[in-house]
């Protein structure tokens, strides 16, 4: 059996051993935690950029829908430029040859 002195000696170092073990565990798990936080933040940044790009695209599409719904001049422009349509009575001139740069 251990004497009282040996028991007191062991009890004296017990808090230090427990504290050291906890400190080592905290360091090990905090490094993994820091890496995980960094990874998640970079993913979050990428997702936020993606959301911003999608919002810009949606805004452009909404503007285009609004223009196509309410702006008759824009509709006429699209019909002329994209669909090669003309109004009744208009004369279309087509020039053959090289295109001149402005």
PDB file of N, CA and C in Angstrom:
ATOM      1  N   UNK A   1       0.819  -1.186   0.000  1.00  0.00           N
ATOM      2  CA  UNK A   1       0.000   0.000   0.000  1.00  0.00           C
ATOM      3  C   UNK A   1       0.863   1.250   0.000  1.00  0.00           C
ATOM      4  N   UNK A   2       0.261   2.264  -0.582  1.00  0.00           N
ATOM      5  CA  UNK A   2       0.990   3.526  -0.650  1.00  0.00           C
ATOM      6  C   UNK A   2       0.811   4.308   0.640  1.00  0.00           C
ATOM      7  N   UNK A   3       1.829   5.008   0.951  1.00  0.00           N
ATOM      8  CA  UNK A   3       1.756   5.827   2.147  1.00  0.00           C
ATOM      9  C   UNK A   3       0.993   7.114   1.836  1.00  0.00           C
ATOM     10  N   UNK A   4       0.662   7.833   2.874  1.00  0.00           N
ATOM     11  CA  UNK A   4      -0.068   9.096   2.719  1.00  0.00           C
ATOM     12  C   UNK A   4       0.749  10.117   1.930  1.00  0.00           C
ATOM     13  N   UNK A   5       2.057  10.099   2.094  1.00  0.00           N
ATOM     14  CA  UNK A   5       2.917  11.028   1.363  1.00  0.00           C
ATOM     15  C   UNK A   5       2.843  10.761  -0.133  1.00  0.00           C
ATOM     16  N   UNK A   6       2.871   9.492  -0.514  1.00  0.00           N
ATOM     17  CA  UNK A   6       2.807   9.142  -1.939  1.00  0.00           C
ATOM     18  C   UNK A   6       1.449   9.521  -2.519  1.00  0.00           C
ATOM     19  N   UNK A   7       0.371   9.320  -1.765  1.00  0.00           N
ATOM     20  CA  UNK A   7      -0.960   9.681  -2.231  1.00  0.00           C
ATOM     21  C   UNK A   7      -1.064  11.195  -2.422  1.00  0.00           C
ATOM     22  N   UNK A   8      -0.541  11.958  -1.473  1.00  0.00           N
ATOM     23  CA  UNK A   8      -0.561  13.406  -1.578  1.00  0.00           C
ATOM     24  C   UNK A   8       0.286  13.867  -2.771  1.00  0.00           C
ATOM     25  N   UNK A   9       1.382  13.178  -2.973  1.00  0.00           N
ATOM     26  CA  UNK A   9       2.269  13.507  -4.092  1.00  0.00           C
ATOM     27  C   UNK A   9       1.541  13.293  -5.430  1.00  0.00           C
ATOM     28  N   UNK A  10       0.828  12.178  -5.571  1.00  0.00           N
ATOM     29  CA  UNK A  10       0.070  11.880  -6.788  1.00  0.00           C
ATOM     30  C   UNK A  10      -1.083  12.862  -6.975  1.00  0.00           C
ATOM     31  N   UNK A  11      -1.754  13.201  -5.888  1.00  0.00           N
ATOM     32  CA  UNK A  11      -2.871  14.144  -5.950  1.00  0.00           C
ATOM     33  C   UNK A  11      -2.365  15.532  -6.332  1.00  0.00           C
ATOM     34  N   UNK A  12      -1.180  15.863  -5.909  1.00  0.00           N
ATOM     35  CA  UNK A  12      -0.599  17.167  -6.202  1.00  0.00           C
ATOM     36  C   UNK A  12      -0.391  17.348  -7.716  1.00  0.00           C
ATOM     37  N   UNK A  13      -0.012  16.307  -8.427  1.00  0.00           N
ATOM     38  CA  UNK A  13       0.250  16.399  -9.865  1.00  0.00           C
ATOM     39  C   UNK A  13      -0.973  16.061 -10.726  1.00  0.00           C
ATOM     40  N   UNK A  14      -2.024  15.574 -10.144  1.00  0.00           N
ATOM     41  CA  UNK A  14      -3.220  15.176 -10.903  1.00  0.00           C
ATOM     42  C   UNK A  14      -3.828  16.350 -11.681  1.00  0.00           C
ATOM     43  N   UNK A  15      -4.014  17.521 -11.081  1.00  0.00           N
ATOM     44  CA  UNK A  15      -4.575  18.639 -11.860  1.00  0.00           C
ATOM     45  C   UNK A  15      -3.681  19.033 -13.044  1.00  0.00           C
ATOM     46  N   UNK A  16      -2.368  18.995 -12.827  1.00  0.00           N
ATOM     47  CA  UNK A  16      -1.450  19.327 -13.914  1.00  0.00           C
ATOM     48  C   UNK A  16      -1.571  18.322 -15.059  1.00  0.00           C
ATOM     49  N   UNK A  17      -1.669  17.049 -14.733  1.00  0.00           N
ATOM     50  CA  UNK A  17      -1.795  15.999 -15.756  1.00  0.00           C
ATOM     51  C   UNK A  17      -3.121  16.148 -16.496  1.00  0.00           C
ATOM     52  N   UNK A  18      -4.191  16.380 -15.747  1.00  0.00           N
ATOM     53  CA  UNK A  18      -5.507  16.554 -16.383  1.00  0.00           C
ATOM     54  C   UNK A  18      -5.500  17.791 -17.276  1.00  0.00           C
ATOM     55  N   UNK A  19      -4.958  18.885 -16.764  1.00  0.00           N
ATOM     56  CA  UNK A  19      -4.879  20.114 -17.555  1.00  0.00           C
ATOM     57  C   UNK A  19      -4.041  19.907 -18.813  1.00  0.00           C
ATOM     58  N   UNK A  20      -2.932  19.228 -18.698  1.00  0.00           N
ATOM     59  CA  UNK A  20      -2.069  18.962 -19.852  1.00  0.00           C
ATOM     60  C   UNK A  20      -2.787  18.110 -20.893  1.00  0.00           C
ATOM     61  N   UNK A  21      -3.487  17.083 -20.433  1.00  0.00           N
ATOM     62  CA  UNK A  21      -4.221  16.211 -21.360  1.00  0.00           C
ATOM     63  C   UNK A  21      -5.318  16.991 -22.080  1.00  0.00           C
ATOM     64  N   UNK A  22      -6.055  17.796 -21.329  1.00  0.00           N
ATOM     65  CA  UNK A  22      -7.101  18.618 -21.951  1.00  0.00           C
ATOM     66  C   UNK A  22      -6.515  19.625 -22.940  1.00  0.00           C
ATOM     67  N   UNK A  23      -5.402  20.218 -22.567  1.00  0.00           N
ATOM     68  CA  UNK A  23      -4.743  21.194 -23.449  1.00  0.00           C
ATOM     69  C   UNK A  23      -4.319  20.542 -24.758  1.00  0.00           C
ATOM     70  N   UNK A  24      -3.743  19.366 -24.680  1.00  0.00           N
ATOM     71  CA  UNK A  24      -3.328  18.640 -25.889  1.00  0.00           C
ATOM     72  C   UNK A  24      -4.530  18.289 -26.750  1.00  0.00           C
ATOM     73  N   UNK A  25      -5.610  17.830 -26.124  1.00  0.00           N
ATOM     74  CA  UNK A  25      -6.825  17.506 -26.885  1.00  0.00           C
ATOM     75  C   UNK A  25      -7.416  18.747 -27.559  1.00  0.00           C
ATOM     76  N   UNK A  26      -7.419  19.851 -26.846  1.00  0.00           N
ATOM     77  CA  UNK A  26      -7.941  21.108 -27.425  1.00  0.00           C
ATOM     78  C   UNK A  26      -7.109  21.523 -28.624  1.00  0.00           C
ATOM     79  N   UNK A  27      -5.811  21.441 -28.512  1.00  0.00           N
ATOM     80  CA  UNK A  27      -4.936  21.817 -29.633  1.00  0.00           C
ATOM     81  C   UNK A  27      -5.201  20.920 -30.838  1.00  0.00           C
ATOM     82  N   UNK A  28      -5.286  19.625 -30.619  1.00  0.00           N
ATOM     83  CA  UNK A  28      -5.512  18.691 -31.727  1.00  0.00           C
ATOM     84  C   UNK A  28      -6.837  18.983 -32.418  1.00  0.00           C
ATOM     85  N   UNK A  29      -7.898  19.114 -31.639  1.00  0.00           N
ATOM     86  CA  UNK A  29      -9.207  19.323 -32.243  1.00  0.00           C
ATOM     87  C   UNK A  29      -9.397  20.749 -32.760  1.00  0.00           C
ATOM     88  N   UNK A  30      -8.731  21.721 -32.184  1.00  0.00           N
ATOM     89  CA  UNK A  30      -8.887  23.091 -32.664  1.00  0.00           C
ATOM     90  C   UNK A  30      -8.215  23.272 -34.021  1.00  0.00           C
ATOM     91  N   UNK A  31      -7.125  22.568 -34.270  1.00  0.00           N
ATOM     92  CA  UNK A  31      -6.474  22.653 -35.576  1.00  0.00           C
ATOM     93  C   UNK A  31      -7.419  22.119 -36.643  1.00  0.00           C
ATOM     94  N   UNK A  32      -8.046  20.983 -36.359  1.00  0.00           N
ATOM     95  CA  UNK A  32      -9.023  20.447 -37.303  1.00  0.00           C
ATOM     96  C   UNK A  32     -10.193  21.408 -37.456  1.00  0.00           C
ATOM     97  N   UNK A  33     -10.592  22.009 -36.360  1.00  0.00           N
ATOM     98  CA  UNK A  33     -11.696  22.971 -36.389  1.00  0.00           C
ATOM     99  C   UNK A  33     -11.351  24.198 -37.217  1.00  0.00           C
ATOM    100  N   UNK A  34     -10.137  24.692 -37.062  1.00  0.00           N
ATOM    101  CA  UNK A  34      -9.692  25.858 -37.824  1.00  0.00           C
ATOM    102  C   UNK A  34      -9.674  25.533 -39.315  1.00  0.00           C
ATOM    103  N   UNK A  35      -9.178  24.370 -39.650  1.00  0.00           N
ATOM    104  CA  UNK A  35      -9.147  23.961 -41.058  1.00  0.00           C
ATOM    105  C   UNK A  35     -10.569  23.849 -41.601  1.00  0.00           C
ATOM    106  N   UNK A  36     -11.454  23.281 -40.825  1.00  0.00           N
ATOM    107  CA  UNK A  36     -12.849  23.133 -41.242  1.00  0.00           C
ATOM    108  C   UNK A  36     -13.506  24.502 -41.424  1.00  0.00           C
ATOM    109  N   UNK A  37     -13.269  25.415 -40.511  1.00  0.00           N
ATOM    110  CA  UNK A  37     -13.830  26.766 -40.612  1.00  0.00           C
ATOM    111  C   UNK A  37     -13.304  27.461 -41.861  1.00  0.00           C
ATOM    112  N   UNK A  38     -12.013  27.354 -42.121  1.00  0.00           N
ATOM    113  CA  UNK A  38     -11.425  27.974 -43.304  1.00  0.00           C
ATOM    114  C   UNK A  38     -12.045  27.393 -44.582  1.00  0.00           C
ATOM    115  N   UNK A  39     -12.200  26.074 -44.623  1.00  0.00           N
ATOM    116  CA  UNK A  39     -12.808  25.425 -45.784  1.00  0.00           C
ATOM    117  C   UNK A  39     -14.243  25.890 -45.976  1.00  0.00           C
ATOM    118  N   UNK A  40     -14.999  25.936 -44.907  1.00  0.00           N
ATOM    119  CA  UNK A  40     -16.395  26.360 -44.997  1.00  0.00           C
ATOM    120  C   UNK A  40     -16.517  27.824 -45.405  1.00  0.00           C
ATOM    121  N   UNK A  41     -15.627  28.668 -44.930  1.00  0.00           N
ATOM    122  CA  UNK A  41     -15.668  30.086 -45.318  1.00  0.00           C
ATOM    123  C   UNK A  41     -15.354  30.260 -46.805  1.00  0.00           C
ATOM    124  N   UNK A  42     -14.393  29.503 -47.308  1.00  0.00           N
ATOM    125  CA  UNK A  42     -14.083  29.614 -48.736  1.00  0.00           C
ATOM    126  C   UNK A  42     -15.251  29.099 -49.582  1.00  0.00           C
ATOM    127  N   UNK A  43     -15.907  28.036 -49.128  1.00  0.00           N
ATOM    128  CA  UNK A  43     -17.097  27.544 -49.827  1.00  0.00           C
ATOM    129  C   UNK A  43     -18.216  28.573 -49.771  1.00  0.00           C
ATOM    130  N   UNK A  44     -18.372  29.207 -48.629  1.00  0.00           N
ATOM    131  CA  UNK A  44     -19.410  30.227 -48.472  1.00  0.00           C
ATOM    132  C   UNK A  44     -19.146  31.401 -49.415  1.00  0.00           C
ATOM    133  N   UNK A  45     -17.904  31.809 -49.539  1.00  0.00           N
ATOM    134  CA  UNK A  45     -17.549  32.905 -50.439  1.00  0.00           C
ATOM    135  C   UNK A  45     -17.873  32.542 -51.880  1.00  0.00           C
ATOM    136  N   UNK A  46     -17.544  31.317 -52.276  1.00  0.00           N
ATOM    137  CA  UNK A  46     -17.841  30.870 -53.635  1.00  0.00           C
ATOM    138  C   UNK A  46     -19.343  30.843 -53.884  1.00  0.00           C
ATOM    139  N   UNK A  47     -20.100  30.385 -52.911  1.00  0.00           N
ATOM    140  CA  UNK A  47     -21.559  30.332 -53.066  1.00  0.00           C
ATOM    141  C   UNK A  47     -22.132  31.745 -53.147  1.00  0.00           C
ATOM    142  N   UNK A  48     -21.621  32.661 -52.337  1.00  0.00           N
ATOM    143  CA  UNK A  48     -22.101  34.055 -52.392  1.00  0.00           C
ATOM    144  C   UNK A  48     -21.809  34.692 -53.742  1.00  0.00           C
ATOM    145  N   UNK A  49     -20.625  34.431 -54.303  1.00  0.00           N
ATOM    146  CA  UNK A  49     -20.308  34.958 -55.633  1.00  0.00           C
ATOM    147  C   UNK A  49     -21.255  34.382 -56.673  1.00  0.00           C
ATOM    148  N   UNK A  50     -21.528  33.090 -56.570  1.00  0.00           N
ATOM    149  CA  UNK A  50     -22.446  32.432 -57.496  1.00  0.00           C
ATOM    150  C   UNK A  50     -23.844  33.037 -57.381  1.00  0.00           C
ATOM    151  N   UNK A  51     -24.290  33.286 -56.171  1.00  0.00           N
ATOM    152  CA  UNK A  51     -25.604  33.898 -55.958  1.00  0.00           C
ATOM    153  C   UNK A  51     -25.644  35.289 -56.573  1.00  0.00           C
ATOM    154  N   UNK A  52     -24.582  36.060 -56.396  1.00  0.00           N
ATOM    155  CA  UNK A  52     -24.537  37.418 -56.968  1.00  0.00           C
ATOM    156  C   UNK A  52     -24.616  37.361 -58.495  1.00  0.00           C
ATOM    157  N   UNK A  53     -23.903  36.428 -59.107  1.00  0.00           N
ATOM    158  CA  UNK A  53     -23.949  36.290 -60.566  1.00  0.00           C
ATOM    159  C   UNK A  53     -25.345  35.900 -61.028  1.00  0.00           C
ATOM    160  N   UNK A  54     -25.971  34.983 -60.327  1.00  0.00           N
ATOM    161  CA  UNK A  54     -27.317  34.542 -60.698  1.00  0.00           C
ATOM    162  C   UNK A  54     -28.314  35.683 -60.532  1.00  0.00           C
ATOM    163  N   UNK A  55     -28.157  36.490 -59.486  1.00  0.00           N
ATOM    164  CA  UNK A  55     -29.046  37.637 -59.293  1.00  0.00           C
ATOM    165  C   UNK A  55     -28.908  38.631 -60.444  1.00  0.00           C
ATOM    166  N   UNK A  56     -27.674  38.866 -60.899  1.00  0.00           N
ATOM    167  CA  UNK A  56     -27.465  39.780 -62.025  1.00  0.00           C
ATOM    168  C   UNK A  56     -28.128  39.236 -63.287  1.00  0.00           C
ATOM    169  N   UNK A  57     -27.968  37.933 -63.533  1.00  0.00           N
ATOM    170  CA  UNK A  57     -28.595  37.320 -64.697  1.00  0.00           C
ATOM    171  C   UNK A  57     -30.112  37.416 -64.611  1.00  0.00           C
ATOM    172  N   UNK A  58     -30.656  37.156 -63.432  1.00  0.00           N
ATOM    173  CA  UNK A  58     -32.104  37.251 -63.245  1.00  0.00           C
ATOM    174  C   UNK A  58     -32.604  38.667 -63.492  1.00  0.00           C
ATOM    175  N   UNK A  59     -31.840  39.646 -63.026  1.00  0.00           N
ATOM    176  CA  UNK A  59     -32.218  41.042 -63.224  1.00  0.00           C
ATOM    177  C   UNK A  59     -32.237  41.391 -64.709  1.00  0.00           C
ATOM    178  N   UNK A  60     -31.232  40.930 -65.452  1.00  0.00           N
ATOM    179  CA  UNK A  60     -31.203  41.180 -66.891  1.00  0.00           C
ATOM    180  C   UNK A  60     -32.389  40.516 -67.589  1.00  0.00           C
ATOM    181  N   UNK A  61     -32.691  39.291 -67.184  1.00  0.00           N
ATOM    182  CA  UNK A  61     -33.814  38.571 -67.789  1.00  0.00           C
ATOM    183  C   UNK A  61     -35.127  39.280 -67.470  1.00  0.00           C
ATOM    184  N   UNK A  62     -35.287  39.738 -66.233  1.00  0.00           N
ATOM    185  CA  UNK A  62     -36.500  40.455 -65.860  1.00  0.00           C
ATOM    186  C   UNK A  62     -36.653  41.746 -66.655  1.00  0.00           C
ATOM    187  N   UNK A  63     -35.547  42.460 -66.850  1.00  0.00           N
ATOM    188  CA  UNK A  63     -35.593  43.687 -67.659  1.00  0.00           C
ATOM    189  C   UNK A  63     -35.981  43.366 -69.100  1.00  0.00           C
ATOM    190  N   UNK A  64     -35.417  42.313 -69.632  1.00  0.00           N
ATOM    191  CA  UNK A  64     -35.743  41.917 -71.008  1.00  0.00           C
ATOM    192  C   UNK A  64     -37.217  41.529 -71.124  1.00  0.00           C
ATOM    193  N   UNK A  65     -37.724  40.801 -70.156  1.00  0.00           N
ATOM    194  CA  UNK A  65     -39.145  40.432 -70.156  1.00  0.00           C
ATOM    195  C   UNK A  65     -40.016  41.687 -70.099  1.00  0.00           C
ATOM    196  N   UNK A  66     -39.645  42.622 -69.225  1.00  0.00           N
ATOM    197  CA  UNK A  66     -40.393  43.877 -69.111  1.00  0.00           C
ATOM    198  C   UNK A  66     -40.387  44.628 -70.439  1.00  0.00           C
ATOM    199  N   UNK A  67     -39.223  44.698 -71.072  1.00  0.00           N
ATOM    200  CA  UNK A  67     -39.115  45.399 -72.362  1.00  0.00           C
ATOM    201  C   UNK A  67     -39.960  44.708 -73.430  1.00  0.00           C
ATOM    202  N   UNK A  68     -39.889  43.387 -73.472  1.00  0.00           N
ATOM    203  CA  UNK A  68     -40.654  42.648 -74.475  1.00  0.00           C
ATOM    204  C   UNK A  68     -42.159  42.690 -74.201  1.00  0.00           C
ATOM    205  N   UNK A  69     -42.533  42.924 -72.980  1.00  0.00           N
ATOM    206  CA  UNK A  69     -43.953  42.970 -72.636  1.00  0.00           C
ATOM    207  C   UNK A  69     -44.550  44.352 -72.887  1.00  0.00           C
ATOM    208  N   UNK A  70     -43.826  45.408 -72.539  1.00  0.00           N
ATOM    209  CA  UNK A  70     -44.428  46.745 -72.532  1.00  0.00           C
ATOM    210  C   UNK A  70     -43.860  47.716 -73.569  1.00  0.00           C
ATOM    211  N   UNK A  71     -42.680  47.525 -74.071  1.00  0.00           N
ATOM    212  CA  UNK A  71     -42.038  48.500 -74.940  1.00  0.00           C
ATOM    213  C   UNK A  71     -42.212  48.092 -76.411  1.00  0.00           C
ATOM    214  N   UNK A  72     -43.135  48.738 -77.077  1.00  0.00           N
ATOM    215  CA  UNK A  72     -43.426  48.405 -78.476  1.00  0.00           C
ATOM    216  C   UNK A  72     -42.258  48.758 -79.395  1.00  0.00           C
ATOM    217  N   UNK A  73     -41.532  49.808 -79.095  1.00  0.00           N
ATOM    218  CA  UNK A  73     -40.375  50.178 -79.914  1.00  0.00           C
ATOM    219  C   UNK A  73     -39.295  49.101 -79.823  1.00  0.00           C
ATOM    220  N   UNK A  74     -39.093  48.556 -78.649  1.00  0.00           N
ATOM    221  CA  UNK A  74     -38.095  47.497 -78.483  1.00  0.00           C
ATOM    222  C   UNK A  74     -38.525  46.244 -79.237  1.00  0.00           C
ATOM    223  N   UNK A  75     -39.802  45.938 -79.173  1.00  0.00           N
ATOM    224  CA  UNK A  75     -40.320  44.783 -79.909  1.00  0.00           C
ATOM    225  C   UNK A  75     -40.101  44.975 -81.408  1.00  0.00           C
ATOM    226  N   UNK A  76     -40.378  46.182 -81.906  1.00  0.00           N
ATOM    227  CA  UNK A  76     -40.164  46.471 -83.325  1.00  0.00           C
ATOM    228  C   UNK A  76     -38.685  46.346 -83.674  1.00  0.00           C
ATOM    229  N   UNK A  77     -37.814  46.836 -82.797  1.00  0.00           N
ATOM    230  CA  UNK A  77     -36.380  46.742 -83.033  1.00  0.00           C
ATOM    231  C   UNK A  77     -35.946  45.279 -83.134  1.00  0.00           C
ATOM    232  N   UNK A  78     -36.399  44.457 -82.209  1.00  0.00           N
ATOM    233  CA  UNK A  78     -36.058  43.032 -82.230  1.00  0.00           C
ATOM    234  C   UNK A  78     -36.578  42.384 -83.504  1.00  0.00           C
ATOM    235  N   UNK A  79     -37.800  42.707 -83.888  1.00  0.00           N
ATOM    236  CA  UNK A  79     -38.381  42.127 -85.101  1.00  0.00           C
ATOM    237  C   UNK A  79     -37.561  42.508 -86.322  1.00  0.00           C
ATOM    238  N   UNK A  80     -37.108  43.735 -86.387  1.00  0.00           N
ATOM    239  CA  UNK A  80     -36.323  44.188 -87.553  1.00  0.00           C
ATOM    240  C   UNK A  80     -34.919  43.583 -87.563  1.00  0.00           C
ATOM    241  N   UNK A  81     -34.237  43.676 -86.426  1.00  0.00           N
ATOM    242  CA  UNK A  81     -32.833  43.276 -86.392  1.00  0.00           C
ATOM    243  C   UNK A  81     -32.641  41.755 -86.333  1.00  0.00           C
ATOM    244  N   UNK A  82     -33.405  41.112 -85.518  1.00  0.00           N
ATOM    245  CA  UNK A  82     -33.188  39.680 -85.297  1.00  0.00           C
ATOM    246  C   UNK A  82     -33.991  38.811 -86.262  1.00  0.00           C
ATOM    247  N   UNK A  83     -35.189  39.265 -86.608  1.00  0.00           N
ATOM    248  CA  UNK A  83     -36.068  38.444 -87.439  1.00  0.00           C
ATOM    249  C   UNK A  83     -36.146  38.926 -88.884  1.00  0.00           C
ATOM    250  N   UNK A  84     -35.436  40.019 -89.206  1.00  0.00           N
ATOM    251  CA  UNK A  84     -35.413  40.591 -90.561  1.00  0.00           C
ATOM    252  C   UNK A  84     -36.815  40.903 -91.090  1.00  0.00           C
ATOM    253  N   UNK A  85     -37.642  41.437 -90.242  1.00  0.00           N
ATOM    254  CA  UNK A  85     -38.994  41.820 -90.646  1.00  0.00           C
ATOM    255  C   UNK A  85     -39.002  43.289 -91.044  1.00  0.00           C
ATOM    256  N   UNK A  86     -39.967  43.668 -91.869  1.00  0.00           N
ATOM    257  CA  UNK A  86     -40.122  45.054 -92.272  1.00  0.00           C
ATOM    258  C   UNK A  86     -41.585  45.453 -92.109  1.00  0.00           C
ATOM    259  N   UNK A  87     -41.797  46.759 -92.019  1.00  0.00           N
ATOM    260  CA  UNK A  87     -43.157  47.276 -91.941  1.00  0.00           C
ATOM    261  C   UNK A  87     -43.734  47.337 -93.351  1.00  0.00           C
ATOM    262  N   UNK A  88     -45.048  47.287 -93.435  1.00  0.00           N
ATOM    263  CA  UNK A  88     -45.664  47.415 -94.771  1.00  0.00           C
ATOM    264  C   UNK A  88     -45.298  48.763 -95.399  1.00  0.00           C
ATOM    265  N   UNK A  89     -44.904  48.719 -96.644  1.00  0.00           N
ATOM    266  CA  UNK A  89     -44.551  49.930 -97.376  1.00  0.00           C
ATOM    267  C   UNK A  89     -43.088  50.336 -97.247  1.00  0.00           C
ATOM    268  N   UNK A  90     -42.311  49.666 -96.432  1.00  0.00           N
ATOM    269  CA  UNK A  90     -40.896  50.000 -96.296  1.00  0.00           C
ATOM    270  C   UNK A  90     -40.104  49.378 -97.431  1.00  0.00           C
ATOM    271  N   UNK A  91     -39.039  50.043 -97.796  1.00  0.00           N
ATOM    272  CA  UNK A  91     -38.138  49.521 -98.817  1.00  0.00           C
ATOM    273  C   UNK A  91     -36.823  49.173 -98.123  1.00  0.00           C
ATOM    274  N   UNK A  92     -36.327  47.978 -98.386  1.00  0.00           N
ATOM    275  CA  UNK A  92     -35.086  47.514 -97.768  1.00  0.00           C
ATOM    276  C   UNK A  92     -33.989  47.561 -98.818  1.00  0.00           C
ATOM    277  N   UNK A  93     -32.879  48.173 -98.460  1.00  0.00           N
ATOM    278  CA  UNK A  93     -31.726  48.229 -99.341  1.00  0.00           C
ATOM    279  C   UNK A  93     -30.675  47.264 -98.804  1.00  0.00           C
ATOM    280  N   UNK A  94     -30.153  46.426 -99.670  1.00  0.00           N
ATOM    281  CA  UNK A  94     -29.068  45.533 -99.299  1.00  0.00           C
ATOM    282  C   UNK A  94     -27.864  45.896-100.149  1.00  0.00           C
ATOM    283  N   UNK A  95     -26.761  46.123 -99.519  1.00  0.00           N
ATOM    284  CA  UNK A  95     -25.545  46.481-100.209  1.00  0.00           C
ATOM    285  C   UNK A  95     -24.666  45.254-100.330  1.00  0.00           C
ATOM    286  N   UNK A  96     -24.195  45.026-101.536  1.00  0.00           N
ATOM    287  CA  UNK A  96     -23.355  43.881-101.792  1.00  0.00           C
ATOM    288  C   UNK A  96     -21.908  44.371-101.853  1.00  0.00           C
ATOM    289  N   UNK A  97     -21.045  43.649-101.229  1.00  0.00           N
ATOM    290  CA  UNK A  97     -19.632  44.020-101.249  1.00  0.00           C
ATOM    291  C   UNK A  97     -19.067  43.963 -99.840  1.00  0.00           C
ATOM    292  N   UNK A  98     -17.860  44.528 -99.743  1.00  0.00           N
ATOM    293  CA  UNK A  98     -17.201  44.516 -98.451  1.00  0.00           C
ATOM    294  C   UNK A  98     -17.880  45.469 -97.484  1.00  0.00           C
ATOM    295  N   UNK A  99     -17.877  45.065 -96.244  1.00  0.00           N
ATOM    296  CA  UNK A  99     -18.415  45.948 -95.202  1.00  0.00           C
ATOM    297  C   UNK A  99     -17.297  46.893 -94.782  1.00  0.00           C
ATOM    298  N   UNK A 100     -17.655  48.159 -94.681  1.00  0.00           N
ATOM    299  CA  UNK A 100     -16.681  49.161 -94.256  1.00  0.00           C
ATOM    300  C   UNK A 100     -16.701  49.276 -92.744  1.00  0.00           C
ATOM    301  N   UNK A 101     -15.519  49.334 -92.182  1.00  0.00           N
ATOM    302  CA  UNK A 101     -15.413  49.520 -90.735  1.00  0.00           C
ATOM    303  C   UNK A 101     -15.528  51.000 -90.432  1.00  0.00           C
ATOM    304  N   UNK A 102     -16.208  51.313 -89.378  1.00  0.00           N
ATOM    305  CA  UNK A 102     -16.389  52.723 -88.970  1.00  0.00           C
ATOM    306  C   UNK A 102     -15.353  53.121 -87.990  1.00  0.00           C
TER     307      UNK A 102
END
